[in-house]
């Protein structure tokens, strides 16, 4: 009986090892397995070493170009009282249908003073014509 248990354990180990090497199976019948890799949606659980403090409420975007070619976004930021550090403004130009980032830019202000209005300008280039582009604003104190 010991030989049978050892034999069965060996088969299970071999089967597990082989299944780890197999390509993923498609969930739809008739479709070959895909070689693309997908990532799980961000859950907010993992945090970078210095995530910063969001100050989007203190930030405005007064204009943002969306036509293909060179684009510019402009606005102001007023760091709130008690905010100390580097202010980082980001703008992403995003395909409204696929959420793909077509262009991205940022501007930073080192040692920005609280309650002082700062004008920001971010330039980038969109090379994909015929896409409905939306501007996405971000602001953080690092």
Protein backbone atom coordinates (compact mmCIF):
# COMPACT_ATOMS: atom_id res chain seq x y z
CA UNK A 1 0.00 0.00 0.00
CA UNK A 2 2.93 2.39 0.63
CA UNK A 3 3.96 2.03 -3.01
CA UNK A 4 0.47 3.10 -4.16
CA UNK A 5 0.48 6.22 -1.97
CA UNK A 6 3.96 7.21 -3.14
CA UNK A 7 2.98 6.54 -6.77
CA UNK A 8 -0.20 8.66 -6.43
CA UNK A 9 1.73 11.49 -4.73
CA UNK A 10 4.28 11.47 -7.57
CA UNK A 11 1.54 11.70 -10.19
CA UNK A 12 -0.11 14.62 -8.37
CA UNK A 13 3.19 16.51 -8.12
CA UNK A 14 3.89 15.93 -11.83
CA UNK A 15 0.38 17.04 -12.83
CA UNK A 16 0.66 20.21 -10.75
CA UNK A 17 4.03 21.07 -12.29
CA UNK A 18 2.71 20.52 -15.81
CA UNK A 19 -0.41 22.61 -15.24
CA UNK A 20 1.74 25.54 -14.10
CA UNK A 21 3.57 25.42 -17.45
CA UNK A 22 0.45 25.24 -19.60
CA UNK A 23 -0.87 28.34 -21.36
CA UNK A 24 -4.10 29.83 -20.00
CA UNK A 25 -7.31 28.50 -21.49
CA UNK A 26 -9.83 30.78 -23.14
CA UNK A 27 -13.16 31.21 -21.38
CA UNK A 28 -14.96 31.10 -24.72
CA UNK A 29 -15.19 27.95 -26.79
CA UNK A 30 -13.29 28.02 -30.04
CA UNK A 31 -10.95 30.88 -29.11
CA UNK A 32 -7.24 30.09 -28.82
CA UNK A 33 -5.48 31.01 -25.57
CA UNK A 34 -4.30 34.61 -25.42
CA UNK A 35 -0.69 35.57 -24.89
CA UNK A 36 -1.59 38.96 -23.41
CA UNK A 37 -1.18 39.68 -19.74
CA UNK A 38 -3.86 41.44 -17.77
CA UNK A 39 -3.56 43.17 -14.43
CA UNK A 40 -6.16 43.28 -11.73
CA UNK A 41 -7.83 46.63 -11.17
CA UNK A 42 -6.15 48.82 -8.60
CA UNK A 43 -7.68 48.23 -5.20
CA UNK A 44 -6.02 51.09 -3.37
CA UNK A 45 -4.41 48.67 -0.92
CA UNK A 46 -0.83 49.01 -2.15
CA UNK A 47 0.72 52.39 -1.44
CA UNK A 48 3.90 53.92 -2.81
CA UNK A 49 6.64 54.98 -0.38
CA UNK A 50 5.53 58.64 -0.59
CA UNK A 51 1.97 58.82 -1.92
CA UNK A 52 1.71 62.53 -1.14
CA UNK A 53 -1.37 64.42 -0.06
CA UNK A 54 -4.05 65.17 -2.62
CA UNK A 55 -4.91 68.84 -3.17
CA UNK A 56 -7.19 68.55 -6.19
CA UNK A 57 -9.77 70.79 -4.47
CA UNK A 58 -7.20 73.60 -4.53
CA UNK A 59 -6.41 73.08 -8.22
CA UNK A 60 -8.21 74.33 -11.31
CA UNK A 61 -7.70 73.67 -15.01
CA UNK A 62 -8.65 76.75 -17.02
CA UNK A 63 -7.92 75.26 -20.48
CA UNK A 64 -6.84 72.02 -22.11
CA UNK A 65 -6.25 71.39 -25.82
CA UNK A 66 -7.46 68.05 -27.18
CA UNK A 67 -6.75 68.19 -30.94
CA UNK A 68 -3.95 65.96 -32.32
CA UNK A 69 -0.49 67.51 -32.23
CA UNK A 70 1.04 69.69 -29.54
CA UNK A 71 -1.36 70.24 -26.64
CA UNK A 72 -1.29 72.54 -23.64
CA UNK A 73 -3.16 72.52 -20.36
CA UNK A 74 -3.22 75.54 -18.04
CA UNK A 75 -4.52 76.32 -14.63
CA UNK A 76 -3.80 77.43 -11.08
CA UNK A 77 -3.12 75.76 -7.76
CA UNK A 78 -3.28 77.31 -4.30
CA UNK A 79 -1.74 75.01 -1.68
CA UNK A 80 -3.95 75.04 1.43
CA UNK A 81 -2.78 76.27 4.84
CA UNK A 82 -0.50 73.74 6.45
CA UNK A 83 0.61 72.20 3.14
CA UNK A 84 4.40 71.93 3.00
CA UNK A 85 6.55 70.36 0.32
CA UNK A 86 6.66 70.02 -3.42
CA UNK A 87 3.41 70.51 -5.33
CA UNK A 88 3.07 68.19 -8.33
CA UNK A 89 0.43 68.89 -11.00
CA UNK A 90 -0.25 66.19 -13.63
CA UNK A 91 -2.43 66.13 -16.73
CA UNK A 92 -3.19 63.03 -18.76
CA UNK A 93 -4.82 63.22 -22.17
CA UNK A 94 -7.04 60.12 -22.29
CA UNK A 95 -9.02 58.32 -25.02
CA UNK A 96 -12.58 58.67 -23.70
CA UNK A 97 -13.67 55.30 -25.11
CA UNK A 98 -10.76 53.08 -24.06
CA UNK A 99 -9.27 55.07 -21.16
CA UNK A 100 -5.84 54.71 -22.82
CA UNK A 101 -3.43 57.50 -21.92
CA UNK A 102 -2.42 59.22 -25.17
CA UNK A 103 -0.13 61.84 -23.58
CA UNK A 104 0.97 62.83 -20.09
CA UNK A 105 2.78 65.77 -18.56
CA UNK A 106 3.57 67.28 -15.18
CA UNK A 107 4.87 70.39 -13.47
CA UNK A 108 6.29 70.67 -9.98
CA UNK A 109 6.73 73.59 -7.61
CA UNK A 110 9.38 72.98 -4.95
CA UNK A 111 8.72 74.43 -1.51
CA UNK A 112 5.42 76.02 -2.58
CA UNK A 113 4.04 78.45 -0.01
CA UNK A 114 0.60 77.80 1.44
CA UNK A 115 -2.22 80.11 0.31
CA UNK A 116 -0.13 81.40 -2.63
CA UNK A 117 -1.76 81.01 -6.04
CA UNK A 118 0.56 79.44 -8.62
CA UNK A 119 -0.04 79.33 -12.37
CA UNK A 120 0.87 76.07 -14.08
CA UNK A 121 1.31 75.09 -17.74
CA UNK A 122 1.80 71.55 -19.01
CA UNK A 123 2.68 70.65 -22.61
CA UNK A 124 2.53 67.30 -24.37
CA UNK A 125 1.85 65.84 -27.81
CA UNK A 126 -1.04 63.67 -29.00
CA UNK A 127 -0.14 61.61 -32.04
CA UNK A 128 -3.39 59.66 -32.45
CA UNK A 129 -5.94 61.45 -34.70
CA UNK A 130 -9.66 60.76 -34.72
CA UNK A 131 -9.98 60.08 -30.99
CA UNK A 132 -12.31 61.78 -28.51
CA UNK A 133 -9.76 63.06 -25.95
CA UNK A 134 -10.50 64.08 -22.36
CA UNK A 135 -8.11 65.84 -19.99
CA UNK A 136 -7.58 64.32 -16.53
CA UNK A 137 -6.10 66.55 -13.82
CA UNK A 138 -4.14 65.44 -10.76
CA UNK A 139 -2.55 67.43 -7.91
CA UNK A 140 -0.44 66.28 -4.97
CA UNK A 141 1.84 67.70 -2.27
CA UNK A 142 4.90 65.48 -1.85
